[in-house]
Amino acid sequence: MSAANRRDFIRGFWREGARLLAAFEEGKEEARQKAERRDFFRSYESSYAMTLCEDELLMESARLAGIETEGRDRLEIARELFAKEGGY
């Protein structure tokens, strides 16, 4: 193998390694964000912004999104509304 070929191989090796590392970090960040979104609805306290808002506001938002609210828990409604709006 000539010196030029070795240089090209090493450059390609480092370039590919950097690309793989970046993809790994991106995947790790995506997984962290997904876990945060999932944990948001772990309890009423952690999701208070949606679950403890005015009853009318939550129910109207759910109705406009086509979500059935009859006989359902606020947390369940808020979770479905969040998911429907692209939250997870």
PDB file of N, CA and C in Angstrom:
ATOM      1  N   MET A   1       0.850  -1.164   0.000  1.00  0.00           N
ATOM      2  CA  MET A   1       0.000   0.000   0.000  1.00  0.00           C
ATOM      3  C   MET A   1       0.902   1.235   0.000  1.00  0.00           C
ATOM      4  N   SER A   2       0.617   2.152  -0.878  1.00  0.00           N
ATOM      5  CA  SER A   2       1.435   3.359  -0.982  1.00  0.00           C
ATOM      6  C   SER A   2       1.077   4.337   0.145  1.00  0.00           C
ATOM      7  N   ALA A   3       1.918   5.331   0.334  1.00  0.00           N
ATOM      8  CA  ALA A   3       1.699   6.335   1.377  1.00  0.00           C
ATOM      9  C   ALA A   3       0.405   7.106   1.111  1.00  0.00           C
ATOM     10  N   ALA A   4       0.109   7.404  -0.136  1.00  0.00           N
ATOM     11  CA  ALA A   4      -1.117   8.137  -0.490  1.00  0.00           C
ATOM     12  C   ALA A   4      -2.349   7.303  -0.138  1.00  0.00           C
ATOM     13  N   ASN A   5      -2.288   6.010  -0.436  1.00  0.00           N
ATOM     14  CA  ASN A   5      -3.408   5.132  -0.116  1.00  0.00           C
ATOM     15  C   ASN A   5      -3.612   5.025   1.392  1.00  0.00           C
ATOM     16  N   ARG A   6      -2.502   4.951   2.138  1.00  0.00           N
ATOM     17  CA  ARG A   6      -2.610   4.881   3.595  1.00  0.00           C
ATOM     18  C   ARG A   6      -3.231   6.159   4.147  1.00  0.00           C
ATOM     19  N   ARG A   7      -2.789   7.297   3.628  1.00  0.00           N
ATOM     20  CA  ARG A   7      -3.350   8.579   4.067  1.00  0.00           C
ATOM     21  C   ARG A   7      -4.855   8.643   3.780  1.00  0.00           C
ATOM     22  N   ASP A   8      -5.234   8.242   2.584  1.00  0.00           N
ATOM     23  CA  ASP A   8      -6.653   8.240   2.225  1.00  0.00           C
ATOM     24  C   ASP A   8      -7.441   7.304   3.128  1.00  0.00           C
ATOM     25  N   PHE A   9      -6.860   6.143   3.428  1.00  0.00           N
ATOM     26  CA  PHE A   9      -7.523   5.181   4.303  1.00  0.00           C
ATOM     27  C   PHE A   9      -7.703   5.772   5.700  1.00  0.00           C
ATOM     28  N   ILE A  10      -6.662   6.375   6.236  1.00  0.00           N
ATOM     29  CA  ILE A  10      -6.720   6.938   7.585  1.00  0.00           C
ATOM     30  C   ILE A  10      -7.708   8.101   7.637  1.00  0.00           C
ATOM     31  N   ARG A  11      -7.675   8.972   6.644  1.00  0.00           N
ATOM     32  CA  ARG A  11      -8.631  10.081   6.596  1.00  0.00           C
ATOM     33  C   ARG A  11     -10.068   9.560   6.534  1.00  0.00           C
ATOM     34  N   GLY A  12     -10.283   8.577   5.675  1.00  0.00           N
ATOM     35  CA  GLY A  12     -11.615   7.974   5.570  1.00  0.00           C
ATOM     36  C   GLY A  12     -12.050   7.315   6.863  1.00  0.00           C
ATOM     37  N   PHE A  13     -11.098   6.661   7.521  1.00  0.00           N
ATOM     38  CA  PHE A  13     -11.380   5.999   8.790  1.00  0.00           C
ATOM     39  C   PHE A  13     -11.821   7.030   9.838  1.00  0.00           C
ATOM     40  N   TRP A  14     -11.082   8.124   9.966  1.00  0.00           N
ATOM     41  CA  TRP A  14     -11.423   9.161  10.941  1.00  0.00           C
ATOM     42  C   TRP A  14     -12.730   9.868  10.579  1.00  0.00           C
ATOM     43  N   ARG A  15     -12.927  10.105   9.307  1.00  0.00           N
ATOM     44  CA  ARG A  15     -14.162  10.754   8.855  1.00  0.00           C
ATOM     45  C   ARG A  15     -15.375   9.881   9.191  1.00  0.00           C
ATOM     46  N   GLU A  16     -15.271   8.588   8.901  1.00  0.00           N
ATOM     47  CA  GLU A  16     -16.363   7.660   9.190  1.00  0.00           C
ATOM     48  C   GLU A  16     -16.584   7.535  10.698  1.00  0.00           C
ATOM     49  N   GLY A  17     -15.491   7.505  11.442  1.00  0.00           N
ATOM     50  CA  GLY A  17     -15.603   7.437  12.902  1.00  0.00           C
ATOM     51  C   GLY A  17     -16.310   8.661  13.464  1.00  0.00           C
ATOM     52  N   ALA A  18     -15.989   9.830  12.963  1.00  0.00           N
ATOM     53  CA  ALA A  18     -16.635  11.063  13.410  1.00  0.00           C
ATOM     54  C   ALA A  18     -18.117  11.060  13.042  1.00  0.00           C
ATOM     55  N   ARG A  19     -18.435  10.555  11.853  1.00  0.00           N
ATOM     56  CA  ARG A  19     -19.845  10.480  11.425  1.00  0.00           C
ATOM     57  C   ARG A  19     -20.622   9.529  12.321  1.00  0.00           C
ATOM     58  N   LEU A  20     -20.037   8.377  12.648  1.00  0.00           N
ATOM     59  CA  LEU A  20     -20.700   7.409  13.527  1.00  0.00           C
ATOM     60  C   LEU A  20     -20.897   7.974  14.926  1.00  0.00           C
ATOM     61  N   LEU A  21     -19.900   8.664  15.443  1.00  0.00           N
ATOM     62  CA  LEU A  21     -20.011   9.268  16.768  1.00  0.00           C
ATOM     63  C   LEU A  21     -21.121  10.320  16.788  1.00  0.00           C
ATOM     64  N   ALA A  22     -21.203  11.134  15.751  1.00  0.00           N
ATOM     65  CA  ALA A  22     -22.256  12.152  15.671  1.00  0.00           C
ATOM     66  C   ALA A  22     -23.640  11.492  15.616  1.00  0.00           C
ATOM     67  N   ALA A  23     -23.768  10.416  14.853  1.00  0.00           N
ATOM     68  CA  ALA A  23     -25.045   9.705  14.758  1.00  0.00           C
ATOM     69  C   ALA A  23     -25.417   9.091  16.104  1.00  0.00           C
ATOM     70  N   PHE A  24     -24.438   8.556  16.817  1.00  0.00           N
ATOM     71  CA  PHE A  24     -24.677   7.977  18.131  1.00  0.00           C
ATOM     72  C   PHE A  24     -25.157   9.052  19.109  1.00  0.00           C
ATOM     73  N   GLU A  25     -24.497  10.200  19.117  1.00  0.00           N
ATOM     74  CA  GLU A  25     -24.877  11.297  20.009  1.00  0.00           C
ATOM     75  C   GLU A  25     -26.287  11.798  19.674  1.00  0.00           C
ATOM     76  N   GLU A  26     -26.599  11.872  18.397  1.00  0.00           N
ATOM     77  CA  GLU A  26     -27.932  12.307  17.971  1.00  0.00           C
ATOM     78  C   GLU A  26     -28.992  11.323  18.467  1.00  0.00           C
ATOM     79  N   GLY A  27     -28.725  10.034  18.331  1.00  0.00           N
ATOM     80  CA  GLY A  27     -29.654   9.009  18.806  1.00  0.00           C
ATOM     81  C   GLY A  27     -29.821   9.051  20.312  1.00  0.00           C
ATOM     82  N   LYS A  28     -28.738   9.290  21.016  1.00  0.00           N
ATOM     83  CA  LYS A  28     -28.785   9.380  22.472  1.00  0.00           C
ATOM     84  C   LYS A  28     -29.637  10.578  22.906  1.00  0.00           C
ATOM     85  N   GLU A  29     -29.473  11.702  22.244  1.00  0.00           N
ATOM     86  CA  GLU A  29     -30.259  12.897  22.563  1.00  0.00           C
ATOM     87  C   GLU A  29     -31.738  12.679  22.254  1.00  0.00           C
ATOM     88  N   GLU A  30     -32.016  12.023  21.142  1.00  0.00           N
ATOM     89  CA  GLU A  30     -33.402  11.730  20.772  1.00  0.00           C
ATOM     90  C   GLU A  30     -34.051  10.828  21.816  1.00  0.00           C
ATOM     91  N   ALA A  31     -33.336   9.815  22.296  1.00  0.00           N
ATOM     92  CA  ALA A  31     -33.852   8.913  23.328  1.00  0.00           C
ATOM     93  C   ALA A  31     -34.098   9.665  24.635  1.00  0.00           C
ATOM     94  N   ARG A  32     -33.210  10.590  24.985  1.00  0.00           N
ATOM     95  CA  ARG A  32     -33.373  11.378  26.210  1.00  0.00           C
ATOM     96  C   ARG A  32     -34.628  12.241  26.123  1.00  0.00           C
ATOM     97  N   GLN A  33     -34.843  12.872  24.973  1.00  0.00           N
ATOM     98  CA  GLN A  33     -36.015  13.721  24.792  1.00  0.00           C
ATOM     99  C   GLN A  33     -37.304  12.903  24.840  1.00  0.00           C
ATOM    100  N   LYS A  34     -37.269  11.722  24.259  1.00  0.00           N
ATOM    101  CA  LYS A  34     -38.450  10.857  24.280  1.00  0.00           C
ATOM    102  C   LYS A  34     -38.772  10.439  25.706  1.00  0.00           C
ATOM    103  N   ALA A  35     -37.745  10.110  26.491  1.00  0.00           N
ATOM    104  CA  ALA A  35     -37.952   9.734  27.893  1.00  0.00           C
ATOM    105  C   ALA A  35     -38.523  10.910  28.686  1.00  0.00           C
ATOM    106  N   GLU A  36     -38.052  12.118  28.419  1.00  0.00           N
ATOM    107  CA  GLU A  36     -38.584  13.307  29.098  1.00  0.00           C
ATOM    108  C   GLU A  36     -40.058  13.513  28.756  1.00  0.00           C
ATOM    109  N   ARG A  37     -40.413  13.348  27.495  1.00  0.00           N
ATOM    110  CA  ARG A  37     -41.815  13.511  27.092  1.00  0.00           C
ATOM    111  C   ARG A  37     -42.686  12.452  27.751  1.00  0.00           C
ATOM    112  N   ARG A  38     -42.198  11.216  27.818  1.00  0.00           N
ATOM    113  CA  ARG A  38     -42.946  10.136  28.449  1.00  0.00           C
ATOM    114  C   ARG A  38     -43.117  10.415  29.941  1.00  0.00           C
ATOM    115  N   ASP A  39     -42.051  10.866  30.605  1.00  0.00           N
ATOM    116  CA  ASP A  39     -42.094  11.125  32.038  1.00  0.00           C
ATOM    117  C   ASP A  39     -42.927  12.345  32.392  1.00  0.00           C
ATOM    118  N   PHE A  40     -43.169  13.217  31.418  1.00  0.00           N
ATOM    119  CA  PHE A  40     -43.969  14.415  31.655  1.00  0.00           C
ATOM    120  C   PHE A  40     -45.329  14.045  32.227  1.00  0.00           C
ATOM    121  N   PHE A  41     -45.904  12.945  31.769  1.00  0.00           N
ATOM    122  CA  PHE A  41     -47.231  12.519  32.214  1.00  0.00           C
ATOM    123  C   PHE A  41     -47.186  11.428  33.286  1.00  0.00           C
ATOM    124  N   ARG A  42     -46.074  11.314  33.953  1.00  0.00           N
ATOM    125  CA  ARG A  42     -45.932  10.308  35.012  1.00  0.00           C
ATOM    126  C   ARG A  42     -46.947  10.568  36.126  1.00  0.00           C
ATOM    127  N   SER A  43     -47.222  11.821  36.432  1.00  0.00           N
ATOM    128  CA  SER A  43     -48.165  12.173  37.493  1.00  0.00           C
ATOM    129  C   SER A  43     -48.788  13.528  37.185  1.00  0.00           C
ATOM    130  N   TYR A  44     -49.814  13.880  37.965  1.00  0.00           N
ATOM    131  CA  TYR A  44     -50.430  15.194  37.806  1.00  0.00           C
ATOM    132  C   TYR A  44     -49.426  16.303  38.095  1.00  0.00           C
ATOM    133  N   GLU A  45     -48.585  16.085  39.103  1.00  0.00           N
ATOM    134  CA  GLU A  45     -47.637  17.120  39.496  1.00  0.00           C
ATOM    135  C   GLU A  45     -46.611  17.409  38.405  1.00  0.00           C
ATOM    136  N   SER A  46     -46.145  16.369  37.719  1.00  0.00           N
ATOM    137  CA  SER A  46     -45.123  16.584  36.688  1.00  0.00           C
ATOM    138  C   SER A  46     -45.709  17.170  35.409  1.00  0.00           C
ATOM    139  N   SER A  47     -47.013  17.035  35.224  1.00  0.00           N
ATOM    140  CA  SER A  47     -47.642  17.551  34.005  1.00  0.00           C
ATOM    141  C   SER A  47     -48.685  18.614  34.323  1.00  0.00           C
ATOM    142  N   TYR A  48     -48.484  19.317  35.423  1.00  0.00           N
ATOM    143  CA  TYR A  48     -49.509  20.261  35.887  1.00  0.00           C
ATOM    144  C   TYR A  48     -49.895  21.306  34.868  1.00  0.00           C
ATOM    145  N   ALA A  49     -48.985  21.689  33.989  1.00  0.00           N
ATOM    146  CA  ALA A  49     -49.312  22.723  33.006  1.00  0.00           C
ATOM    147  C   ALA A  49     -50.486  22.301  32.135  1.00  0.00           C
ATOM    148  N   MET A  50     -50.599  21.024  31.839  1.00  0.00           N
ATOM    149  CA  MET A  50     -51.708  20.556  31.006  1.00  0.00           C
ATOM    150  C   MET A  50     -52.839  19.965  31.840  1.00  0.00           C
ATOM    151  N   THR A  51     -52.506  19.217  32.873  1.00  0.00           N
ATOM    152  CA  THR A  51     -53.553  18.497  33.601  1.00  0.00           C
ATOM    153  C   THR A  51     -54.273  19.346  34.631  1.00  0.00           C
ATOM    154  N   LEU A  52     -53.644  20.405  35.110  1.00  0.00           N
ATOM    155  CA  LEU A  52     -54.288  21.235  36.123  1.00  0.00           C
ATOM    156  C   LEU A  52     -54.759  22.581  35.579  1.00  0.00           C
ATOM    157  N   CYS A  53     -54.718  22.731  34.250  1.00  0.00           N
ATOM    158  CA  CYS A  53     -55.224  23.975  33.660  1.00  0.00           C
ATOM    159  C   CYS A  53     -56.741  24.004  33.808  1.00  0.00           C
ATOM    160  N   GLU A  54     -57.330  25.097  33.432  1.00  0.00           N
ATOM    161  CA  GLU A  54     -58.782  25.245  33.517  1.00  0.00           C
ATOM    162  C   GLU A  54     -59.457  24.067  32.814  1.00  0.00           C
ATOM    163  N   ASP A  55     -60.449  23.511  33.471  1.00  0.00           N
ATOM    164  CA  ASP A  55     -61.174  22.357  32.935  1.00  0.00           C
ATOM    165  C   ASP A  55     -61.733  22.663  31.545  1.00  0.00           C
ATOM    166  N   GLU A  56     -62.318  23.838  31.395  1.00  0.00           N
ATOM    167  CA  GLU A  56     -62.892  24.226  30.102  1.00  0.00           C
ATOM    168  C   GLU A  56     -61.848  24.234  28.994  1.00  0.00           C
ATOM    169  N   LEU A  57     -60.667  24.755  29.299  1.00  0.00           N
ATOM    170  CA  LEU A  57     -59.604  24.850  28.305  1.00  0.00           C
ATOM    171  C   LEU A  57     -59.145  23.469  27.850  1.00  0.00           C
ATOM    172  N   LEU A  58     -58.914  22.568  28.789  1.00  0.00           N
ATOM    173  CA  LEU A  58     -58.480  21.213  28.440  1.00  0.00           C
ATOM    174  C   LEU A  58     -59.545  20.491  27.625  1.00  0.00           C
ATOM    175  N   MET A  59     -60.791  20.556  28.086  1.00  0.00           N
ATOM    176  CA  MET A  59     -61.873  19.839  27.411  1.00  0.00           C
ATOM    177  C   MET A  59     -62.147  20.412  26.020  1.00  0.00           C
ATOM    178  N   GLU A  60     -62.089  21.726  25.887  1.00  0.00           N
ATOM    179  CA  GLU A  60     -62.308  22.352  24.584  1.00  0.00           C
ATOM    180  C   GLU A  60     -61.174  21.996  23.615  1.00  0.00           C
ATOM    181  N   SER A  61     -59.956  22.020  24.109  1.00  0.00           N
ATOM    182  CA  SER A  61     -58.808  21.636  23.279  1.00  0.00           C
ATOM    183  C   SER A  61     -58.940  20.192  22.816  1.00  0.00           C
ATOM    184  N   ALA A  62     -59.341  19.314  23.735  1.00  0.00           N
ATOM    185  CA  ALA A  62     -59.523  17.897  23.399  1.00  0.00           C
ATOM    186  C   ALA A  62     -60.642  17.737  22.370  1.00  0.00           C
ATOM    187  N   ARG A  63     -61.749  18.430  22.580  1.00  0.00           N
ATOM    188  CA  ARG A  63     -62.878  18.346  21.645  1.00  0.00           C
ATOM    189  C   ARG A  63     -62.456  18.790  20.253  1.00  0.00           C
ATOM    190  N   LEU A  64     -61.733  19.906  20.173  1.00  0.00           N
ATOM    191  CA  LEU A  64     -61.278  20.405  18.875  1.00  0.00           C
ATOM    192  C   LEU A  64     -60.309  19.440  18.195  1.00  0.00           C
ATOM    193  N   ALA A  65     -59.586  18.659  18.987  1.00  0.00           N
ATOM    194  CA  ALA A  65     -58.642  17.687  18.431  1.00  0.00           C
ATOM    195  C   ALA A  65     -59.326  16.348  18.133  1.00  0.00           C
ATOM    196  N   GLY A  66     -60.643  16.262  18.430  1.00  0.00           N
ATOM    197  CA  GLY A  66     -61.379  15.025  18.152  1.00  0.00           C
ATOM    198  C   GLY A  66     -61.152  13.935  19.178  1.00  0.00           C
ATOM    199  N   ILE A  67     -60.857  14.323  20.405  1.00  0.00           N
ATOM    200  CA  ILE A  67     -60.574  13.358  21.474  1.00  0.00           C
ATOM    201  C   ILE A  67     -61.812  13.196  22.349  1.00  0.00           C
ATOM    202  N   GLU A  68     -62.202  11.963  22.585  1.00  0.00           N
ATOM    203  CA  GLU A  68     -63.344  11.646  23.448  1.00  0.00           C
ATOM    204  C   GLU A  68     -62.961  11.939  24.894  1.00  0.00           C
ATOM    205  N   THR A  69     -63.816  12.680  25.607  1.00  0.00           N
ATOM    206  CA  THR A  69     -63.513  13.049  26.987  1.00  0.00           C
ATOM    207  C   THR A  69     -64.451  12.422  28.003  1.00  0.00           C
ATOM    208  N   GLU A  70     -65.591  11.966  27.558  1.00  0.00           N
ATOM    209  CA  GLU A  70     -66.614  11.419  28.455  1.00  0.00           C
ATOM    210  C   GLU A  70     -66.069  10.266  29.299  1.00  0.00           C
ATOM    211  N   GLY A  71     -66.133  10.438  30.630  1.00  0.00           N
ATOM    212  CA  GLY A  71     -65.738   9.380  31.556  1.00  0.00           C
ATOM    213  C   GLY A  71     -64.242   9.114  31.619  1.00  0.00           C
ATOM    214  N   ARG A  72     -63.437  10.028  31.114  1.00  0.00           N
ATOM    215  CA  ARG A  72     -61.984   9.823  31.096  1.00  0.00           C
ATOM    216  C   ARG A  72     -61.294  10.738  32.092  1.00  0.00           C
ATOM    217  N   ASP A  73     -60.180  10.278  32.586  1.00  0.00           N
ATOM    218  CA  ASP A  73     -59.343  11.005  33.524  1.00  0.00           C
ATOM    219  C   ASP A  73     -58.640  12.165  32.828  1.00  0.00           C
ATOM    220  N   ARG A  74     -58.470  13.291  33.528  1.00  0.00           N
ATOM    221  CA  ARG A  74     -57.799  14.468  32.946  1.00  0.00           C
ATOM    222  C   ARG A  74     -56.396  14.130  32.448  1.00  0.00           C
ATOM    223  N   LEU A  75     -55.663  13.331  33.221  1.00  0.00           N
ATOM    224  CA  LEU A  75     -54.297  12.970  32.841  1.00  0.00           C
ATOM    225  C   LEU A  75     -54.294  12.188  31.528  1.00  0.00           C
ATOM    226  N   GLU A  76     -55.228  11.276  31.398  1.00  0.00           N
ATOM    227  CA  GLU A  76     -55.343  10.475  30.166  1.00  0.00           C
ATOM    228  C   GLU A  76     -55.697  11.358  28.969  1.00  0.00           C
ATOM    229  N   ILE A  77     -56.608  12.300  29.174  1.00  0.00           N
ATOM    230  CA  ILE A  77     -57.001  13.221  28.104  1.00  0.00           C
ATOM    231  C   ILE A  77     -55.817  14.105  27.701  1.00  0.00           C
ATOM    232  N   ALA A  78     -55.118  14.635  28.697  1.00  0.00           N
ATOM    233  CA  ALA A  78     -53.963  15.501  28.418  1.00  0.00           C
ATOM    234  C   ALA A  78     -52.876  14.720  27.685  1.00  0.00           C
ATOM    235  N   ARG A  79     -52.643  13.469  28.085  1.00  0.00           N
ATOM    236  CA  ARG A  79     -51.627  12.635  27.429  1.00  0.00           C
ATOM    237  C   ARG A  79     -51.985  12.416  25.965  1.00  0.00           C
ATOM    238  N   GLU A  80     -53.257  12.099  25.696  1.00  0.00           N
ATOM    239  CA  GLU A  80     -53.677  11.870  24.312  1.00  0.00           C
ATOM    240  C   GLU A  80     -53.600  13.154  23.488  1.00  0.00           C
ATOM    241  N   LEU A  81     -53.986  14.274  24.084  1.00  0.00           N
ATOM    242  CA  LEU A  81     -53.904  15.555  23.395  1.00  0.00           C
ATOM    243  C   LEU A  81     -52.458  15.882  23.058  1.00  0.00           C
ATOM    244  N   PHE A  82     -51.564  15.672  23.991  1.00  0.00           N
ATOM    245  CA  PHE A  82     -50.143  15.921  23.785  1.00  0.00           C
ATOM    246  C   PHE A  82     -49.609  15.042  22.654  1.00  0.00           C
ATOM    247  N   ALA A  83     -49.965  13.758  22.668  1.00  0.00           N
ATOM    248  CA  ALA A  83     -49.507  12.819  21.636  1.00  0.00           C
ATOM    249  C   ALA A  83     -50.064  13.207  20.266  1.00  0.00           C
ATOM    250  N   LYS A  84     -51.334  13.595  20.237  1.00  0.00           N
ATOM    251  CA  LYS A  84     -51.969  13.958  18.977  1.00  0.00           C
ATOM    252  C   LYS A  84     -51.344  15.213  18.368  1.00  0.00           C
ATOM    253  N   GLU A  85     -50.878  16.098  19.217  1.00  0.00           N
ATOM    254  CA  GLU A  85     -50.259  17.335  18.739  1.00  0.00           C
ATOM    255  C   GLU A  85     -48.780  17.137  18.397  1.00  0.00           C
ATOM    256  N   GLY A  86     -48.317  15.884  18.391  1.00  0.00           N
ATOM    257  CA  GLY A  86     -46.942  15.599  17.992  1.00  0.00           C
ATOM    258  C   GLY A  86     -45.967  15.572  19.138  1.00  0.00           C
ATOM    259  N   GLY A  87     -46.449  15.493  20.371  1.00  0.00           N
ATOM    260  CA  GLY A  87     -45.566  15.477  21.522  1.00  0.00           C
ATOM    261  C   GLY A  87     -44.752  14.216  21.663  1.00  0.00           C
ATOM    262  N   TYR A  88     -45.273  13.076  21.233  1.00  0.00           N
ATOM    263  CA  TYR A  88     -44.525  11.814  21.258  1.00  0.00           C
ATOM    264  C   TYR A  88     -45.256  10.723  20.575  1.00  0.00           C
TER     265      TYR A  88
END
